[in-house]
Amino acid sequence: METHVRPDGSDQEAVHLSTDEARAGATPHVTRNVLGWGLALVLVGFAVVLAIYMVAS
């Protein structure tokens, strides 16, 4: 059996939680939407800058 020292120095037993218990909430895939829209907006921004550069030169 391994011995682990807790960072706070106490000798209490470690608490083991499942992934769902540790997360303690819903995960509604908002991050995927934000990343997708952000990437799309960056590409549109680069296209606008490129178009302005091509017209100006």
C-alpha atoms as a PDB file:
ATOM      1  CA  MET A   1       0.000   0.000   0.000  1.00  0.00           C
ATOM      2  CA  GLU A   2       1.327   3.436  -0.945  1.00  0.00           C
ATOM      3  CA  THR A   3       1.569   6.248   1.551  1.00  0.00           C
ATOM      4  CA  HIS A   4       0.552   9.689   0.351  1.00  0.00           C
ATOM      5  CA  VAL A   5       1.200  12.906   2.230  1.00  0.00           C
ATOM      6  CA  ARG A   6      -1.536  15.507   1.914  1.00  0.00           C
ATOM      7  CA  PRO A   7      -0.366  19.016   0.976  1.00  0.00           C
ATOM      8  CA  ASP A   8      -1.991  20.526   4.078  1.00  0.00           C
ATOM      9  CA  GLY A   9      -0.190  18.045   6.347  1.00  0.00           C
ATOM     10  CA  SER A  10      -3.350  16.451   7.784  1.00  0.00           C
ATOM     11  CA  ASP A  11      -3.718  12.683   8.141  1.00  0.00           C
ATOM     12  CA  GLN A  12      -7.305  12.472   6.901  1.00  0.00           C
ATOM     13  CA  GLU A  13      -8.245   9.876   4.330  1.00  0.00           C
ATOM     14  CA  ALA A  14      -8.232  11.057   0.730  1.00  0.00           C
ATOM     15  CA  VAL A  15     -11.607  11.536  -0.913  1.00  0.00           C
ATOM     16  CA  HIS A  16     -12.076   9.651  -4.172  1.00  0.00           C
ATOM     17  CA  LEU A  17     -14.773  11.009  -6.478  1.00  0.00           C
ATOM     18  CA  SER A  18     -16.017   9.802  -9.829  1.00  0.00           C
ATOM     19  CA  THR A  19     -15.716  12.129 -12.817  1.00  0.00           C
ATOM     20  CA  ASP A  20     -19.370  13.158 -12.611  1.00  0.00           C
ATOM     21  CA  GLU A  21     -19.180  13.798  -8.861  1.00  0.00           C
ATOM     22  CA  ALA A  22     -16.027  15.903  -9.203  1.00  0.00           C
ATOM     23  CA  ARG A  23     -17.492  17.931 -12.052  1.00  0.00           C
ATOM     24  CA  ALA A  24     -20.675  18.618 -10.050  1.00  0.00           C
ATOM     25  CA  GLY A  25     -22.624  20.070 -12.918  1.00  0.00           C
ATOM     26  CA  ALA A  26     -23.796  19.794 -16.477  1.00  0.00           C
ATOM     27  CA  THR A  27     -21.408  20.105 -19.418  1.00  0.00           C
ATOM     28  CA  PRO A  28     -23.415  21.752 -22.202  1.00  0.00           C
ATOM     29  CA  HIS A  29     -20.747  21.837 -24.978  1.00  0.00           C
ATOM     30  CA  VAL A  30     -20.652  25.655 -24.924  1.00  0.00           C
ATOM     31  CA  THR A  31     -16.876  25.651 -25.327  1.00  0.00           C
ATOM     32  CA  ARG A  32     -17.118  23.868 -28.665  1.00  0.00           C
ATOM     33  CA  ASN A  33     -19.523  26.543 -29.955  1.00  0.00           C
ATOM     34  CA  VAL A  34     -17.379  29.417 -28.689  1.00  0.00           C
ATOM     35  CA  LEU A  35     -14.233  27.953 -30.253  1.00  0.00           C
ATOM     36  CA  GLY A  36     -15.999  27.310 -33.555  1.00  0.00           C
ATOM     37  CA  TRP A  37     -17.490  30.794 -33.805  1.00  0.00           C
ATOM     38  CA  GLY A  38     -14.230  32.379 -32.681  1.00  0.00           C
ATOM     39  CA  LEU A  39     -12.280  30.523 -35.354  1.00  0.00           C
ATOM     40  CA  ALA A  40     -14.820  31.499 -38.014  1.00  0.00           C
ATOM     41  CA  LEU A  41     -14.664  35.171 -36.979  1.00  0.00           C
ATOM     42  CA  VAL A  42     -10.858  35.161 -37.033  1.00  0.00           C
ATOM     43  CA  LEU A  43     -10.884  33.709 -40.555  1.00  0.00           C
ATOM     44  CA  VAL A  44     -13.394  36.341 -41.691  1.00  0.00           C
ATOM     45  CA  GLY A  45     -11.220  39.045 -40.100  1.00  0.00           C
ATOM     46  CA  PHE A  46      -8.123  37.793 -41.911  1.00  0.00           C
ATOM     47  CA  ALA A  47     -10.063  37.673 -45.187  1.00  0.00           C
ATOM     48  CA  VAL A  48     -11.167  41.303 -44.694  1.00  0.00           C
ATOM     49  CA  VAL A  49      -7.604  42.412 -43.918  1.00  0.00           C
ATOM     50  CA  LEU A  50      -6.304  40.535 -46.962  1.00  0.00           C
ATOM     51  CA  ALA A  51      -8.988  42.105 -49.186  1.00  0.00           C
ATOM     52  CA  ILE A  52      -8.148  45.613 -47.926  1.00  0.00           C
ATOM     53  CA  TYR A  53      -4.424  44.940 -48.456  1.00  0.00           C
ATOM     54  CA  MET A  54      -5.021  43.692 -51.999  1.00  0.00           C
ATOM     55  CA  VAL A  55      -7.160  46.740 -52.898  1.00  0.00           C
ATOM     56  CA  ALA A  56      -4.674  49.204 -51.345  1.00  0.00           C
ATOM     57  CA  SER A  57      -1.666  47.851 -53.238  1.00  0.00           C
END
